[in-house]
Amino acid sequence: MTSYFNDSYFWVVTRFTGLEGTAALKGWSGITTVVWIASLPLLLIADLVLG
């Protein structure tokens, strides 16, 4: 979740969207948090199927 400044993908998305500074960090934090939370049910289902 905290791979901002050393993650090249973060900088590519930031440059192409035109976001700067705080707006980019807030947006990226929100997106990665949603993806992280959404992956939990999928991991639980995979555990039930494969485990």
PDB file of N, CA and C in Angstrom:
ATOM      1  N   MET A   1       0.804  -1.204   0.000  1.00  0.00           N
ATOM      2  CA  MET A   1       0.000   0.000   0.000  1.00  0.00           C
ATOM      3  C   MET A   1       0.846   1.267   0.000  1.00  0.00           C
ATOM      4  N   THR A   2       2.081   1.187   0.419  1.00  0.00           N
ATOM      5  CA  THR A   2       2.888   2.404   0.521  1.00  0.00           C
ATOM      6  C   THR A   2       4.086   2.338  -0.418  1.00  0.00           C
ATOM      7  N   SER A   3       3.831   2.178  -1.689  1.00  0.00           N
ATOM      8  CA  SER A   3       4.922   2.098  -2.658  1.00  0.00           C
ATOM      9  C   SER A   3       4.970   3.327  -3.545  1.00  0.00           C
ATOM     10  N   TYR A   4       4.583   4.450  -3.023  1.00  0.00           N
ATOM     11  CA  TYR A   4       4.389   5.636  -3.840  1.00  0.00           C
ATOM     12  C   TYR A   4       5.651   6.117  -4.546  1.00  0.00           C
ATOM     13  N   PHE A   5       6.601   6.587  -3.789  1.00  0.00           N
ATOM     14  CA  PHE A   5       7.696   7.342  -4.375  1.00  0.00           C
ATOM     15  C   PHE A   5       8.719   6.487  -5.101  1.00  0.00           C
ATOM     16  N   ASN A   6       8.787   5.209  -4.802  1.00  0.00           N
ATOM     17  CA  ASN A   6       9.722   4.357  -5.520  1.00  0.00           C
ATOM     18  C   ASN A   6       9.006   3.452  -6.517  1.00  0.00           C
ATOM     19  N   ASP A   7       7.745   3.721  -6.786  1.00  0.00           N
ATOM     20  CA  ASP A   7       6.959   2.931  -7.722  1.00  0.00           C
ATOM     21  C   ASP A   7       6.792   3.718  -9.024  1.00  0.00           C
ATOM     22  N   SER A   8       7.372   3.222 -10.102  1.00  0.00           N
ATOM     23  CA  SER A   8       7.312   3.953 -11.367  1.00  0.00           C
ATOM     24  C   SER A   8       5.883   4.045 -11.902  1.00  0.00           C
ATOM     25  N   TYR A   9       5.053   3.043 -11.623  1.00  0.00           N
ATOM     26  CA  TYR A   9       3.670   3.082 -12.101  1.00  0.00           C
ATOM     27  C   TYR A   9       2.911   4.249 -11.469  1.00  0.00           C
ATOM     28  N   PHE A  10       3.170   4.527 -10.202  1.00  0.00           N
ATOM     29  CA  PHE A  10       2.560   5.679  -9.538  1.00  0.00           C
ATOM     30  C   PHE A  10       2.890   6.963 -10.284  1.00  0.00           C
ATOM     31  N   TRP A  11       4.138   7.114 -10.664  1.00  0.00           N
ATOM     32  CA  TRP A  11       4.552   8.339 -11.345  1.00  0.00           C
ATOM     33  C   TRP A  11       3.988   8.418 -12.756  1.00  0.00           C
ATOM     34  N   VAL A  12       3.874   7.292 -13.453  1.00  0.00           N
ATOM     35  CA  VAL A  12       3.284   7.293 -14.796  1.00  0.00           C
ATOM     36  C   VAL A  12       1.825   7.728 -14.722  1.00  0.00           C
ATOM     37  N   VAL A  13       1.071   7.137 -13.804  1.00  0.00           N
ATOM     38  CA  VAL A  13      -0.343   7.498 -13.646  1.00  0.00           C
ATOM     39  C   VAL A  13      -0.477   8.955 -13.228  1.00  0.00           C
ATOM     40  N   THR A  14       0.373   9.406 -12.324  1.00  0.00           N
ATOM     41  CA  THR A  14       0.326  10.796 -11.854  1.00  0.00           C
ATOM     42  C   THR A  14       0.571  11.766 -13.008  1.00  0.00           C
ATOM     43  N   ARG A  15       1.552  11.485 -13.837  1.00  0.00           N
ATOM     44  CA  ARG A  15       1.873  12.383 -14.958  1.00  0.00           C
ATOM     45  C   ARG A  15       0.766  12.398 -16.013  1.00  0.00           C
ATOM     46  N   PHE A  16       0.208  11.220 -16.350  1.00  0.00           N
ATOM     47  CA  PHE A  16      -0.805  11.159 -17.395  1.00  0.00           C
ATOM     48  C   PHE A  16      -2.141  11.738 -16.956  1.00  0.00           C
ATOM     49  N   THR A  17      -2.451  11.656 -15.663  1.00  0.00           N
ATOM     50  CA  THR A  17      -3.712  12.217 -15.183  1.00  0.00           C
ATOM     51  C   THR A  17      -3.599  13.690 -14.854  1.00  0.00           C
ATOM     52  N   GLY A  18      -2.376  14.205 -14.767  1.00  0.00           N
ATOM     53  CA  GLY A  18      -2.183  15.613 -14.464  1.00  0.00           C
ATOM     54  C   GLY A  18      -2.307  15.953 -12.992  1.00  0.00           C
ATOM     55  N   LEU A  19      -2.381  14.939 -12.151  1.00  0.00           N
ATOM     56  CA  LEU A  19      -2.478  15.189 -10.708  1.00  0.00           C
ATOM     57  C   LEU A  19      -1.123  15.584 -10.159  1.00  0.00           C
ATOM     58  N   GLU A  20      -1.143  16.362  -9.110  1.00  0.00           N
ATOM     59  CA  GLU A  20       0.101  16.772  -8.484  1.00  0.00           C
ATOM     60  C   GLU A  20      -0.006  16.633  -6.971  1.00  0.00           C
ATOM     61  N   GLY A  21       1.097  16.323  -6.355  1.00  0.00           N
ATOM     62  CA  GLY A  21       1.242  16.355  -4.908  1.00  0.00           C
ATOM     63  C   GLY A  21       0.191  15.614  -4.120  1.00  0.00           C
ATOM     64  N   THR A  22      -0.511  16.358  -3.275  1.00  0.00           N
ATOM     65  CA  THR A  22      -1.471  15.774  -2.342  1.00  0.00           C
ATOM     66  C   THR A  22      -2.614  15.068  -3.059  1.00  0.00           C
ATOM     67  N   ALA A  23      -3.085  15.626  -4.152  1.00  0.00           N
ATOM     68  CA  ALA A  23      -4.193  15.010  -4.887  1.00  0.00           C
ATOM     69  C   ALA A  23      -3.803  13.628  -5.405  1.00  0.00           C
ATOM     70  N   ALA A  24      -2.594  13.499  -5.903  1.00  0.00           N
ATOM     71  CA  ALA A  24      -2.126  12.206  -6.407  1.00  0.00           C
ATOM     72  C   ALA A  24      -2.006  11.196  -5.274  1.00  0.00           C
ATOM     73  N   LEU A  25      -1.466  11.626  -4.143  1.00  0.00           N
ATOM     74  CA  LEU A  25      -1.321  10.709  -3.011  1.00  0.00           C
ATOM     75  C   LEU A  25      -2.668  10.274  -2.466  1.00  0.00           C
ATOM     76  N   LYS A  26      -3.603  11.200  -2.362  1.00  0.00           N
ATOM     77  CA  LYS A  26      -4.943  10.845  -1.876  1.00  0.00           C
ATOM     78  C   LYS A  26      -5.636   9.886  -2.829  1.00  0.00           C
ATOM     79  N   GLY A  27      -5.550  10.167  -4.114  1.00  0.00           N
ATOM     80  CA  GLY A  27      -6.186   9.295  -5.093  1.00  0.00           C
ATOM     81  C   GLY A  27      -5.586   7.912  -5.109  1.00  0.00           C
ATOM     82  N   TRP A  28      -4.268   7.848  -5.108  1.00  0.00           N
ATOM     83  CA  TRP A  28      -3.582   6.560  -5.140  1.00  0.00           C
ATOM     84  C   TRP A  28      -3.843   5.769  -3.861  1.00  0.00           C
ATOM     85  N   SER A  29      -3.870   6.446  -2.722  1.00  0.00           N
ATOM     86  CA  SER A  29      -4.153   5.775  -1.450  1.00  0.00           C
ATOM     87  C   SER A  29      -5.553   5.188  -1.459  1.00  0.00           C
ATOM     88  N   GLY A  30      -6.501   5.951  -1.969  1.00  0.00           N
ATOM     89  CA  GLY A  30      -7.880   5.457  -2.028  1.00  0.00           C
ATOM     90  C   GLY A  30      -8.023   4.251  -2.928  1.00  0.00           C
ATOM     91  N   ILE A  31      -7.421   4.305  -4.096  1.00  0.00           N
ATOM     92  CA  ILE A  31      -7.516   3.203  -5.048  1.00  0.00           C
ATOM     93  C   ILE A  31      -6.867   1.941  -4.486  1.00  0.00           C
ATOM     94  N   THR A  32      -5.655   2.072  -3.945  1.00  0.00           N
ATOM     95  CA  THR A  32      -4.970   0.877  -3.445  1.00  0.00           C
ATOM     96  C   THR A  32      -5.676   0.300  -2.219  1.00  0.00           C
ATOM     97  N   THR A  33      -6.292   1.146  -1.408  1.00  0.00           N
ATOM     98  CA  THR A  33      -7.032   0.654  -0.249  1.00  0.00           C
ATOM     99  C   THR A  33      -8.271  -0.113  -0.684  1.00  0.00           C
ATOM    100  N   VAL A  34      -8.992   0.393  -1.677  1.00  0.00           N
ATOM    101  CA  VAL A  34     -10.181  -0.296  -2.182  1.00  0.00           C
ATOM    102  C   VAL A  34      -9.802  -1.638  -2.788  1.00  0.00           C
ATOM    103  N   VAL A  35      -8.735  -1.682  -3.564  1.00  0.00           N
ATOM    104  CA  VAL A  35      -8.292  -2.942  -4.171  1.00  0.00           C
ATOM    105  C   VAL A  35      -7.880  -3.930  -3.087  1.00  0.00           C
ATOM    106  N   TRP A  36      -7.198  -3.451  -2.056  1.00  0.00           N
ATOM    107  CA  TRP A  36      -6.774  -4.319  -0.961  1.00  0.00           C
ATOM    108  C   TRP A  36      -7.980  -4.917  -0.240  1.00  0.00           C
ATOM    109  N   ILE A  37      -8.967  -4.089   0.068  1.00  0.00           N
ATOM    110  CA  ILE A  37     -10.165  -4.566   0.774  1.00  0.00           C
ATOM    111  C   ILE A  37     -10.961  -5.518  -0.117  1.00  0.00           C
ATOM    112  N   ALA A  38     -11.057  -5.208  -1.403  1.00  0.00           N
ATOM    113  CA  ALA A  38     -11.817  -6.060  -2.324  1.00  0.00           C
ATOM    114  C   ALA A  38     -11.156  -7.418  -2.520  1.00  0.00           C
ATOM    115  N   SER A  39      -9.858  -7.517  -2.313  1.00  0.00           N
ATOM    116  CA  SER A  39      -9.177  -8.792  -2.512  1.00  0.00           C
ATOM    117  C   SER A  39      -9.391  -9.757  -1.340  1.00  0.00           C
ATOM    118  N   LEU A  40      -9.775  -9.264  -0.185  1.00  0.00           N
ATOM    119  CA  LEU A  40      -9.959 -10.142   0.976  1.00  0.00           C
ATOM    120  C   LEU A  40     -11.014 -11.226   0.748  1.00  0.00           C
ATOM    121  N   PRO A  41     -12.218 -10.899   0.259  1.00  0.00           N
ATOM    122  CA  PRO A  41     -13.189 -11.980   0.009  1.00  0.00           C
ATOM    123  C   PRO A  41     -12.686 -12.985  -1.033  1.00  0.00           C
ATOM    124  N   LEU A  42     -11.970 -12.509  -2.030  1.00  0.00           N
ATOM    125  CA  LEU A  42     -11.437 -13.429  -3.043  1.00  0.00           C
ATOM    126  C   LEU A  42     -10.397 -14.370  -2.432  1.00  0.00           C
ATOM    127  N   LEU A  43      -9.601 -13.865  -1.532  1.00  0.00           N
ATOM    128  CA  LEU A  43      -8.629 -14.726  -0.860  1.00  0.00           C
ATOM    129  C   LEU A  43      -9.311 -15.759   0.029  1.00  0.00           C
ATOM    130  N   LEU A  44     -10.375 -15.357   0.692  1.00  0.00           N
ATOM    131  CA  LEU A  44     -11.116 -16.309   1.530  1.00  0.00           C
ATOM    132  C   LEU A  44     -11.767 -17.400   0.685  1.00  0.00           C
ATOM    133  N   ILE A  45     -12.325 -17.028  -0.454  1.00  0.00           N
ATOM    134  CA  ILE A  45     -12.918 -18.024  -1.357  1.00  0.00           C
ATOM    135  C   ILE A  45     -11.834 -18.963  -1.893  1.00  0.00           C
ATOM    136  N   ALA A  46     -10.705 -18.421  -2.257  1.00  0.00           N
ATOM    137  CA  ALA A  46      -9.611 -19.260  -2.749  1.00  0.00           C
ATOM    138  C   ALA A  46      -9.135 -20.214  -1.661  1.00  0.00           C
ATOM    139  N   ASP A  47      -9.121 -19.757  -0.420  1.00  0.00           N
ATOM    140  CA  ASP A  47      -8.730 -20.617   0.677  1.00  0.00           C
ATOM    141  C   ASP A  47      -9.722 -21.763   0.870  1.00  0.00           C
ATOM    142  N   LEU A  48     -10.999 -21.467   0.731  1.00  0.00           N
ATOM    143  CA  LEU A  48     -12.006 -22.516   0.863  1.00  0.00           C
ATOM    144  C   LEU A  48     -11.917 -23.536  -0.262  1.00  0.00           C
ATOM    145  N   VAL A  49     -11.658 -23.067  -1.463  1.00  0.00           N
ATOM    146  CA  VAL A  49     -11.584 -23.962  -2.619  1.00  0.00           C
ATOM    147  C   VAL A  49     -10.297 -24.761  -2.628  1.00  0.00           C
ATOM    148  N   LEU A  50      -9.185 -24.100  -2.360  1.00  0.00           N
ATOM    149  CA  LEU A  50      -7.883 -24.749  -2.481  1.00  0.00           C
ATOM    150  C   LEU A  50      -7.352 -25.308  -1.169  1.00  0.00           C
ATOM    151  N   GLY A  51      -7.873 -24.792  -0.083  1.00  0.00           N
ATOM    152  CA  GLY A  51      -7.300 -25.115   1.209  1.00  0.00           C
ATOM    153  C   GLY A  51      -7.781 -26.366   1.796  1.00  0.00           C
TER     154      GLY A  51
END
